[in-house]
């Protein structure tokens, strides 16, 4: 299983790829964040599973876009 820091690094990398190469997908990032907990910073908690789910959604978004375009 990946370490939390590695997952966060991958999320940043995929997000940067979207920003640089597929800016038209930026509008979907807010929808994708549904995997992350809601609430104030004080009450929100994240675990590795939440982060991995978010990373997988980002990767799937890019993959589907590449296949369609």
N, C-alpha and C. Protein backbone atom coordinates (compact mmCIF):
# COMPACT_ATOMS: atom_id res chain seq x y z
N UNK A 1 0.84 -1.18 0.00
CA UNK A 1 0.00 0.00 0.00
C UNK A 1 0.89 1.24 0.00
N UNK A 2 0.46 2.24 -0.69
CA UNK A 2 1.23 3.48 -0.82
C UNK A 2 1.17 4.28 0.48
N UNK A 3 2.22 5.02 0.71
CA UNK A 3 2.26 5.93 1.85
C UNK A 3 1.46 7.19 1.50
N UNK A 4 0.95 7.85 2.51
CA UNK A 4 0.13 9.04 2.31
C UNK A 4 0.86 10.11 1.51
N UNK A 5 2.12 10.36 1.83
CA UNK A 5 2.88 11.39 1.12
C UNK A 5 3.01 11.06 -0.36
N UNK A 6 3.20 9.79 -0.68
CA UNK A 6 3.32 9.37 -2.08
C UNK A 6 2.00 9.61 -2.82
N UNK A 7 0.89 9.32 -2.17
CA UNK A 7 -0.42 9.53 -2.77
C UNK A 7 -0.65 11.02 -3.02
N UNK A 8 -0.31 11.84 -2.04
CA UNK A 8 -0.47 13.30 -2.20
C UNK A 8 0.39 13.83 -3.33
N UNK A 9 1.59 13.29 -3.47
CA UNK A 9 2.48 13.69 -4.56
C UNK A 9 1.87 13.32 -5.91
N UNK A 10 1.29 12.13 -5.99
CA UNK A 10 0.66 11.71 -7.24
C UNK A 10 -0.56 12.56 -7.56
N UNK A 11 -1.34 12.91 -6.54
CA UNK A 11 -2.50 13.79 -6.76
C UNK A 11 -2.03 15.13 -7.32
N UNK A 12 -0.98 15.67 -6.76
CA UNK A 12 -0.44 16.95 -7.25
C UNK A 12 0.04 16.82 -8.68
N UNK A 13 0.68 15.71 -9.00
CA UNK A 13 1.20 15.50 -10.36
C UNK A 13 0.07 15.40 -11.37
N UNK A 14 -0.96 14.63 -11.06
CA UNK A 14 -2.08 14.48 -11.99
C UNK A 14 -2.84 15.80 -12.13
N UNK A 15 -3.01 16.50 -11.02
CA UNK A 15 -3.70 17.80 -11.07
C UNK A 15 -2.90 18.78 -11.94
N UNK A 16 -1.59 18.78 -11.79
CA UNK A 16 -0.73 19.65 -12.61
C UNK A 16 -0.84 19.27 -14.08
N UNK A 17 -0.89 17.97 -14.37
CA UNK A 17 -1.05 17.51 -15.75
C UNK A 17 -2.37 18.02 -16.34
N UNK A 18 -3.42 17.97 -15.55
CA UNK A 18 -4.72 18.47 -16.00
C UNK A 18 -4.63 19.98 -16.27
N UNK A 19 -4.04 20.71 -15.34
CA UNK A 19 -3.91 22.17 -15.50
C UNK A 19 -3.11 22.52 -16.74
N UNK A 20 -2.00 21.80 -16.97
CA UNK A 20 -1.10 22.13 -18.08
C UNK A 20 -1.58 21.62 -19.43
N UNK A 21 -2.13 20.42 -19.47
CA UNK A 21 -2.43 19.77 -20.75
C UNK A 21 -3.92 19.67 -21.08
N UNK A 22 -4.76 19.72 -20.08
CA UNK A 22 -6.20 19.54 -20.31
C UNK A 22 -6.99 20.56 -19.48
N UNK A 23 -6.76 21.85 -19.67
CA UNK A 23 -7.43 22.85 -18.84
C UNK A 23 -8.95 22.79 -18.93
N UNK A 24 -9.45 22.23 -20.01
CA UNK A 24 -10.90 22.11 -20.15
C UNK A 24 -11.49 21.14 -19.12
N UNK A 25 -10.66 20.33 -18.49
CA UNK A 25 -11.14 19.39 -17.47
C UNK A 25 -11.18 20.02 -16.07
N UNK A 26 -10.62 21.20 -15.92
CA UNK A 26 -10.58 21.85 -14.62
C UNK A 26 -11.97 22.01 -14.01
N UNK A 27 -12.96 22.21 -14.85
CA UNK A 27 -14.32 22.40 -14.32
C UNK A 27 -14.85 21.16 -13.63
N UNK A 28 -14.26 20.00 -13.90
CA UNK A 28 -14.71 18.75 -13.29
C UNK A 28 -14.01 18.45 -11.97
N UNK A 29 -12.98 19.19 -11.64
CA UNK A 29 -12.25 18.90 -10.41
C UNK A 29 -13.09 19.12 -9.16
N UNK A 30 -13.95 20.11 -9.15
CA UNK A 30 -14.83 20.31 -7.99
C UNK A 30 -15.76 19.13 -7.81
N UNK A 31 -16.26 18.58 -8.91
CA UNK A 31 -17.14 17.42 -8.82
C UNK A 31 -16.36 16.20 -8.32
N UNK A 32 -15.13 16.08 -8.75
CA UNK A 32 -14.30 14.95 -8.37
C UNK A 32 -13.99 14.97 -6.88
N UNK A 33 -13.92 16.11 -6.29
CA UNK A 33 -13.58 16.21 -4.87
C UNK A 33 -14.66 15.63 -3.97
N UNK A 34 -15.70 15.04 -4.54
CA UNK A 34 -16.74 14.41 -3.74
C UNK A 34 -16.19 13.28 -2.89
N UNK A 35 -15.02 12.77 -3.24
CA UNK A 35 -14.42 11.70 -2.44
C UNK A 35 -13.78 12.23 -1.17
N UNK A 36 -13.55 13.53 -1.09
CA UNK A 36 -12.91 14.09 0.08
C UNK A 36 -13.97 14.52 1.09
N UNK A 37 -13.64 14.49 2.37
CA UNK A 37 -14.64 14.83 3.39
C UNK A 37 -15.01 16.30 3.35
N UNK A 38 -16.24 16.57 3.75
CA UNK A 38 -16.72 17.94 3.82
C UNK A 38 -16.59 18.44 5.25
N UNK A 39 -16.71 19.72 5.40
CA UNK A 39 -16.66 20.29 6.73
C UNK A 39 -15.48 21.21 6.89
N UNK A 40 -15.40 21.81 8.05
CA UNK A 40 -14.29 22.73 8.31
C UNK A 40 -13.01 21.92 8.47
N UNK A 41 -11.89 22.59 8.35
CA UNK A 41 -10.61 21.93 8.50
C UNK A 41 -10.48 21.26 9.86
N UNK A 42 -11.11 21.82 10.87
CA UNK A 42 -11.00 21.27 12.22
C UNK A 42 -11.73 19.94 12.35
N UNK A 43 -12.83 19.78 11.62
CA UNK A 43 -13.63 18.55 11.77
C UNK A 43 -13.39 17.54 10.65
N UNK A 44 -12.75 17.94 9.56
CA UNK A 44 -12.54 17.04 8.43
C UNK A 44 -11.36 16.11 8.70
N UNK A 45 -11.53 14.88 8.31
CA UNK A 45 -10.43 13.92 8.43
C UNK A 45 -10.28 13.18 7.11
N UNK A 46 -9.06 12.84 6.79
CA UNK A 46 -8.76 12.09 5.57
C UNK A 46 -8.00 10.84 5.96
N UNK A 47 -8.26 9.79 5.23
CA UNK A 47 -7.44 8.61 5.41
C UNK A 47 -6.87 8.22 4.06
N UNK A 48 -5.99 7.26 4.05
CA UNK A 48 -5.34 6.86 2.80
C UNK A 48 -6.35 6.38 1.77
N UNK A 49 -7.37 5.71 2.22
CA UNK A 49 -8.39 5.21 1.28
C UNK A 49 -9.08 6.36 0.56
N UNK A 50 -9.42 7.42 1.29
CA UNK A 50 -10.05 8.60 0.67
C UNK A 50 -9.12 9.21 -0.38
N UNK A 51 -7.86 9.34 -0.02
CA UNK A 51 -6.89 9.93 -0.95
C UNK A 51 -6.69 9.05 -2.18
N UNK A 52 -6.62 7.75 -1.98
CA UNK A 52 -6.46 6.84 -3.11
C UNK A 52 -7.67 6.88 -4.03
N UNK A 53 -8.86 6.98 -3.45
CA UNK A 53 -10.07 7.09 -4.26
C UNK A 53 -10.04 8.36 -5.10
N UNK A 54 -9.63 9.46 -4.49
CA UNK A 54 -9.55 10.73 -5.21
C UNK A 54 -8.51 10.65 -6.33
N UNK A 55 -7.37 10.08 -6.04
CA UNK A 55 -6.33 9.90 -7.06
C UNK A 55 -6.84 9.06 -8.21
N UNK A 56 -7.52 7.97 -7.90
CA UNK A 56 -8.06 7.10 -8.96
C UNK A 56 -9.09 7.82 -9.82
N UNK A 57 -9.91 8.66 -9.19
CA UNK A 57 -10.89 9.43 -9.97
C UNK A 57 -10.19 10.41 -10.90
N UNK A 58 -9.15 11.05 -10.41
CA UNK A 58 -8.41 11.98 -11.27
C UNK A 58 -7.79 11.25 -12.46
N UNK A 59 -7.16 10.12 -12.19
CA UNK A 59 -6.53 9.34 -13.26
C UNK A 59 -7.57 8.86 -14.26
N UNK A 60 -8.71 8.44 -13.78
CA UNK A 60 -9.78 7.98 -14.67
C UNK A 60 -10.31 9.12 -15.54
N UNK A 61 -10.43 10.29 -14.96
CA UNK A 61 -10.88 11.47 -15.71
C UNK A 61 -9.94 11.75 -16.88
N UNK A 62 -8.64 11.74 -16.62
CA UNK A 62 -7.65 11.99 -17.67
C UNK A 62 -7.67 10.86 -18.70
N UNK A 63 -7.74 9.64 -18.24
CA UNK A 63 -7.73 8.48 -19.14
C UNK A 63 -8.93 8.51 -20.10
N UNK A 64 -10.11 8.75 -19.56
CA UNK A 64 -11.31 8.82 -20.40
C UNK A 64 -11.20 9.95 -21.41
N UNK A 65 -10.68 11.09 -20.96
CA UNK A 65 -10.56 12.24 -21.86
C UNK A 65 -9.60 11.91 -23.00
N UNK A 66 -8.48 11.29 -22.69
CA UNK A 66 -7.50 10.94 -23.72
C UNK A 66 -8.10 9.98 -24.76
N UNK A 67 -8.91 9.03 -24.31
CA UNK A 67 -9.54 8.06 -25.23
C UNK A 67 -10.55 8.74 -26.14
N UNK A 68 -11.27 9.71 -25.61
CA UNK A 68 -12.32 10.37 -26.37
C UNK A 68 -11.80 11.46 -27.30
N UNK A 69 -10.61 11.97 -27.02
CA UNK A 69 -10.09 13.09 -27.83
C UNK A 69 -8.80 12.70 -28.43
